[in-house]
Amino acid sequence: MPQLNPSPWFPILVFSWLVFLTIVVPKTLDHTFPNEPTTQSAQMLKTASWPWSW
C-alpha cells in the first residue's frame, strides 16, 4: 500500500503550506475595501404612531 508511506507526501504538504503562507496570505491581507464601514450614531430614533382612525 503506497499511500501509507509518508515519504513523498510530507514534503509536498510542507511546501504547499509554505507557498500558501508566504504568497497567498499577504496578498489577501493587503486587500482593501473601496467603501470603509462607518460607525452608526447612537441616537434613538423617534417613531410616531400611525394616525389611523379605526
PDB file of N, CA and C in Angstrom:
ATOM      1  N   MET A   1       0.834  -1.191   0.000  1.00  0.00           N
ATOM      2  CA  MET A   1       0.000   0.000   0.000  1.00  0.00           C
ATOM      3  C   MET A   1       0.879   1.254   0.000  1.00  0.00           C
ATOM      4  N   PRO A   2       1.063   1.884  -1.113  1.00  0.00           N
ATOM      5  CA  PRO A   2       1.973   3.038  -1.160  1.00  0.00           C
ATOM      6  C   PRO A   2       1.397   4.289  -0.498  1.00  0.00           C
ATOM      7  N   GLN A   3       0.081   4.384  -0.299  1.00  0.00           N
ATOM      8  CA  GLN A   3      -0.477   5.580   0.297  1.00  0.00           C
ATOM      9  C   GLN A   3      -0.131   5.710   1.775  1.00  0.00           C
ATOM     10  N   LEU A   4       0.354   4.630   2.402  1.00  0.00           N
ATOM     11  CA  LEU A   4       0.736   4.690   3.802  1.00  0.00           C
ATOM     12  C   LEU A   4       2.172   5.163   3.988  1.00  0.00           C
ATOM     13  N   ASN A   5       2.901   5.284   2.919  1.00  0.00           N
ATOM     14  CA  ASN A   5       4.274   5.762   3.000  1.00  0.00           C
ATOM     15  C   ASN A   5       4.264   7.296   2.999  1.00  0.00           C
ATOM     16  N   PRO A   6       4.634   7.950   4.119  1.00  0.00           N
ATOM     17  CA  PRO A   6       4.569   9.405   4.166  1.00  0.00           C
ATOM     18  C   PRO A   6       5.743  10.109   3.502  1.00  0.00           C
ATOM     19  N   SER A   7       6.662   9.371   3.008  1.00  0.00           N
ATOM     20  CA  SER A   7       7.874   9.978   2.473  1.00  0.00           C
ATOM     21  C   SER A   7       7.616  10.945   1.311  1.00  0.00           C
ATOM     22  N   PRO A   8       6.867  10.590   0.273  1.00  0.00           N
ATOM     23  CA  PRO A   8       6.700  11.565  -0.818  1.00  0.00           C
ATOM     24  C   PRO A   8       5.663  12.647  -0.503  1.00  0.00           C
ATOM     25  N   TRP A   9       4.762  12.396   0.440  1.00  0.00           N
ATOM     26  CA  TRP A   9       3.662  13.324   0.640  1.00  0.00           C
ATOM     27  C   TRP A   9       3.967  14.399   1.668  1.00  0.00           C
ATOM     28  N   PHE A  10       4.797  14.120   2.625  1.00  0.00           N
ATOM     29  CA  PHE A  10       5.099  15.116   3.643  1.00  0.00           C
ATOM     30  C   PHE A  10       5.838  16.333   3.084  1.00  0.00           C
ATOM     31  N   PRO A  11       6.847  16.181   2.246  1.00  0.00           N
ATOM     32  CA  PRO A  11       7.474  17.382   1.652  1.00  0.00           C
ATOM     33  C   PRO A  11       6.520  18.179   0.765  1.00  0.00           C
ATOM     34  N   ILE A  12       5.614  17.487   0.089  1.00  0.00           N
ATOM     35  CA  ILE A  12       4.626  18.192  -0.731  1.00  0.00           C
ATOM     36  C   ILE A  12       3.703  19.000   0.161  1.00  0.00           C
ATOM     37  N   LEU A  13       3.286  18.433   1.272  1.00  0.00           N
ATOM     38  CA  LEU A  13       2.435  19.146   2.220  1.00  0.00           C
ATOM     39  C   LEU A  13       3.153  20.361   2.801  1.00  0.00           C
ATOM     40  N   VAL A  14       4.374  20.190   3.208  1.00  0.00           N
ATOM     41  CA  VAL A  14       5.145  21.299   3.791  1.00  0.00           C
ATOM     42  C   VAL A  14       5.379  22.392   2.749  1.00  0.00           C
ATOM     43  N   PHE A  15       5.724  22.013   1.553  1.00  0.00           N
ATOM     44  CA  PHE A  15       5.967  23.004   0.513  1.00  0.00           C
ATOM     45  C   PHE A  15       4.687  23.760   0.140  1.00  0.00           C
ATOM     46  N   SER A  16       3.572  23.067   0.070  1.00  0.00           N
ATOM     47  CA  SER A  16       2.325  23.745  -0.276  1.00  0.00           C
ATOM     48  C   SER A  16       1.920  24.725   0.825  1.00  0.00           C
ATOM     49  N   TRP A  17       2.089  24.362   2.112  1.00  0.00           N
ATOM     50  CA  TRP A  17       1.783  25.290   3.188  1.00  0.00           C
ATOM     51  C   TRP A  17       2.762  26.452   3.201  1.00  0.00           C
ATOM     52  N   LEU A  18       3.999  26.214   2.861  1.00  0.00           N
ATOM     53  CA  LEU A  18       4.980  27.295   2.786  1.00  0.00           C
ATOM     54  C   LEU A  18       4.594  28.300   1.708  1.00  0.00           C
ATOM     55  N   VAL A  19       4.185  27.807   0.566  1.00  0.00           N
ATOM     56  CA  VAL A  19       3.728  28.693  -0.512  1.00  0.00           C
ATOM     57  C   VAL A  19       2.478  29.437  -0.086  1.00  0.00           C
ATOM     58  N   PHE A  20       1.562  28.743   0.545  1.00  0.00           N
ATOM     59  CA  PHE A  20       0.322  29.376   0.982  1.00  0.00           C
ATOM     60  C   PHE A  20       0.594  30.491   1.980  1.00  0.00           C
ATOM     61  N   LEU A  21       1.449  30.241   2.947  1.00  0.00           N
ATOM     62  CA  LEU A  21       1.696  31.226   4.000  1.00  0.00           C
ATOM     63  C   LEU A  21       2.554  32.395   3.544  1.00  0.00           C
ATOM     64  N   THR A  22       3.403  32.198   2.550  1.00  0.00           N
ATOM     65  CA  THR A  22       4.278  33.287   2.117  1.00  0.00           C
ATOM     66  C   THR A  22       3.723  34.095   0.950  1.00  0.00           C
ATOM     67  N   ILE A  23       2.835  33.523   0.170  1.00  0.00           N
ATOM     68  CA  ILE A  23       2.340  34.235  -1.014  1.00  0.00           C
ATOM     69  C   ILE A  23       0.872  34.593  -0.891  1.00  0.00           C
ATOM     70  N   VAL A  24       0.038  33.638  -0.589  1.00  0.00           N
ATOM     71  CA  VAL A  24      -1.405  33.846  -0.644  1.00  0.00           C
ATOM     72  C   VAL A  24      -1.899  34.701   0.528  1.00  0.00           C
ATOM     73  N   VAL A  25      -1.439  34.433   1.724  1.00  0.00           N
ATOM     74  CA  VAL A  25      -1.930  35.161   2.902  1.00  0.00           C
ATOM     75  C   VAL A  25      -1.583  36.645   2.853  1.00  0.00           C
ATOM     76  N   PRO A  26      -0.354  37.058   2.552  1.00  0.00           N
ATOM     77  CA  PRO A  26      -0.097  38.506   2.462  1.00  0.00           C
ATOM     78  C   PRO A  26      -0.901  39.203   1.368  1.00  0.00           C
ATOM     79  N   LYS A  27      -1.160  38.515   0.264  1.00  0.00           N
ATOM     80  CA  LYS A  27      -1.959  39.137  -0.803  1.00  0.00           C
ATOM     81  C   LYS A  27      -3.395  39.370  -0.355  1.00  0.00           C
ATOM     82  N   THR A  28      -3.948  38.440   0.401  1.00  0.00           N
ATOM     83  CA  THR A  28      -5.319  38.637   0.862  1.00  0.00           C
ATOM     84  C   THR A  28      -5.386  39.658   1.993  1.00  0.00           C
ATOM     85  N   LEU A  29      -4.363  39.748   2.810  1.00  0.00           N
ATOM     86  CA  LEU A  29      -4.376  40.727   3.896  1.00  0.00           C
ATOM     87  C   LEU A  29      -4.151  42.142   3.388  1.00  0.00           C
ATOM     88  N   ASP A  30      -3.522  42.306   2.234  1.00  0.00           N
ATOM     89  CA  ASP A  30      -3.302  43.630   1.660  1.00  0.00           C
ATOM     90  C   ASP A  30      -4.530  44.168   0.935  1.00  0.00           C
ATOM     91  N   HIS A  31      -5.531  43.350   0.779  1.00  0.00           N
ATOM     92  CA  HIS A  31      -6.741  43.768   0.082  1.00  0.00           C
ATOM     93  C   HIS A  31      -7.488  44.820   0.897  1.00  0.00           C
ATOM     94  N   THR A  32      -7.849  45.908   0.249  1.00  0.00           N
ATOM     95  CA  THR A  32      -8.616  46.954   0.927  1.00  0.00           C
ATOM     96  C   THR A  32      -9.974  47.070   0.254  1.00  0.00           C
ATOM     97  N   PHE A  33     -10.957  47.378   1.043  1.00  0.00           N
ATOM     98  CA  PHE A  33     -12.302  47.532   0.529  1.00  0.00           C
ATOM     99  C   PHE A  33     -12.499  48.967   0.043  1.00  0.00           C
ATOM    100  N   PRO A  34     -13.225  49.182  -1.039  1.00  0.00           N
ATOM    101  CA  PRO A  34     -13.417  50.540  -1.543  1.00  0.00           C
ATOM    102  C   PRO A  34     -14.270  51.403  -0.615  1.00  0.00           C
ATOM    103  N   ASN A  35     -15.199  50.805   0.083  1.00  0.00           N
ATOM    104  CA  ASN A  35     -16.061  51.561   0.988  1.00  0.00           C
ATOM    105  C   ASN A  35     -15.774  51.127   2.413  1.00  0.00           C
ATOM    106  N   GLU A  36     -15.126  52.003   3.155  1.00  0.00           N
ATOM    107  CA  GLU A  36     -14.834  51.676   4.541  1.00  0.00           C
ATOM    108  C   GLU A  36     -16.120  51.769   5.356  1.00  0.00           C
ATOM    109  N   PRO A  37     -16.333  50.854   6.285  1.00  0.00           N
ATOM    110  CA  PRO A  37     -17.556  50.917   7.083  1.00  0.00           C
ATOM    111  C   PRO A  37     -17.533  52.109   8.029  1.00  0.00           C
ATOM    112  N   THR A  38     -18.674  52.733   8.182  1.00  0.00           N
ATOM    113  CA  THR A  38     -18.788  53.871   9.086  1.00  0.00           C
ATOM    114  C   THR A  38     -19.569  53.446  10.310  1.00  0.00           C
ATOM    115  N   THR A  39     -19.283  54.114  11.412  1.00  0.00           N
ATOM    116  CA  THR A  39     -19.994  53.779  12.638  1.00  0.00           C
ATOM    117  C   THR A  39     -21.355  54.451  12.635  1.00  0.00           C
ATOM    118  N   GLN A  40     -22.341  53.769  13.188  1.00  0.00           N
ATOM    119  CA  GLN A  40     -23.676  54.329  13.253  1.00  0.00           C
ATOM    120  C   GLN A  40     -23.785  55.198  14.493  1.00  0.00           C
ATOM    121  N   SER A  41     -24.618  56.212  14.398  1.00  0.00           N
ATOM    122  CA  SER A  41     -24.803  57.081  15.545  1.00  0.00           C
ATOM    123  C   SER A  41     -25.625  56.373  16.615  1.00  0.00           C
ATOM    124  N   ALA A  42     -25.428  56.802  17.851  1.00  0.00           N
ATOM    125  CA  ALA A  42     -26.104  56.152  18.970  1.00  0.00           C
ATOM    126  C   ALA A  42     -27.426  56.831  19.303  1.00  0.00           C
ATOM    127  N   GLN A  43     -27.938  57.669  18.417  1.00  0.00           N
ATOM    128  CA  GLN A  43     -29.202  58.358  18.688  1.00  0.00           C
ATOM    129  C   GLN A  43     -30.361  57.384  18.563  1.00  0.00           C
ATOM    130  N   MET A  44     -31.324  57.571  19.436  1.00  0.00           N
ATOM    131  CA  MET A  44     -32.553  56.788  19.341  1.00  0.00           C
ATOM    132  C   MET A  44     -33.521  57.524  18.412  1.00  0.00           C
ATOM    133  N   LEU A  45     -34.043  56.823  17.445  1.00  0.00           N
ATOM    134  CA  LEU A  45     -34.965  57.435  16.504  1.00  0.00           C
ATOM    135  C   LEU A  45     -36.358  57.491  17.119  1.00  0.00           C
ATOM    136  N   LYS A  46     -37.030  58.620  16.905  1.00  0.00           N
ATOM    137  CA  LYS A  46     -38.394  58.763  17.412  1.00  0.00           C
ATOM    138  C   LYS A  46     -39.358  58.204  16.374  1.00  0.00           C
ATOM    139  N   THR A  47     -40.205  57.319  16.812  1.00  0.00           N
ATOM    140  CA  THR A  47     -41.206  56.748  15.915  1.00  0.00           C
ATOM    141  C   THR A  47     -42.572  57.305  16.280  1.00  0.00           C
ATOM    142  N   ALA A  48     -43.302  57.718  15.287  1.00  0.00           N
ATOM    143  CA  ALA A  48     -44.641  58.261  15.508  1.00  0.00           C
ATOM    144  C   ALA A  48     -45.674  57.172  15.265  1.00  0.00           C
ATOM    145  N   SER A  49     -46.742  57.189  16.019  1.00  0.00           N
ATOM    146  CA  SER A  49     -47.794  56.203  15.805  1.00  0.00           C
ATOM    147  C   SER A  49     -48.585  56.564  14.561  1.00  0.00           C
ATOM    148  N   TRP A  50     -49.213  55.588  13.975  1.00  0.00           N
ATOM    149  CA  TRP A  50     -49.958  55.812  12.756  1.00  0.00           C
ATOM    150  C   TRP A  50     -51.307  56.454  13.101  1.00  0.00           C
ATOM    151  N   PRO A  51     -51.664  57.507  12.387  1.00  0.00           N
ATOM    152  CA  PRO A  51     -52.934  58.202  12.676  1.00  0.00           C
ATOM    153  C   PRO A  51     -54.137  57.552  11.997  1.00  0.00           C
ATOM    154  N   TRP A  52     -54.316  56.276  12.163  1.00  0.00           N
ATOM    155  CA  TRP A  52     -55.444  55.595  11.550  1.00  0.00           C
ATOM    156  C   TRP A  52     -56.634  55.643  12.510  1.00  0.00           C
ATOM    157  N   SER A  53     -57.745  56.047  11.999  1.00  0.00           N
ATOM    158  CA  SER A  53     -58.958  56.079  12.847  1.00  0.00           C
ATOM    159  C   SER A  53     -59.785  54.829  12.527  1.00  0.00           C
ATOM    160  N   TRP A  54     -59.701  53.852  13.368  1.00  0.00           N
ATOM    161  CA  TRP A  54     -60.433  52.614  13.146  1.00  0.00           C
ATOM    162  C   TRP A  54     -61.635  52.604  13.999  1.00  0.00           C
TER     163      TRP A  54
END
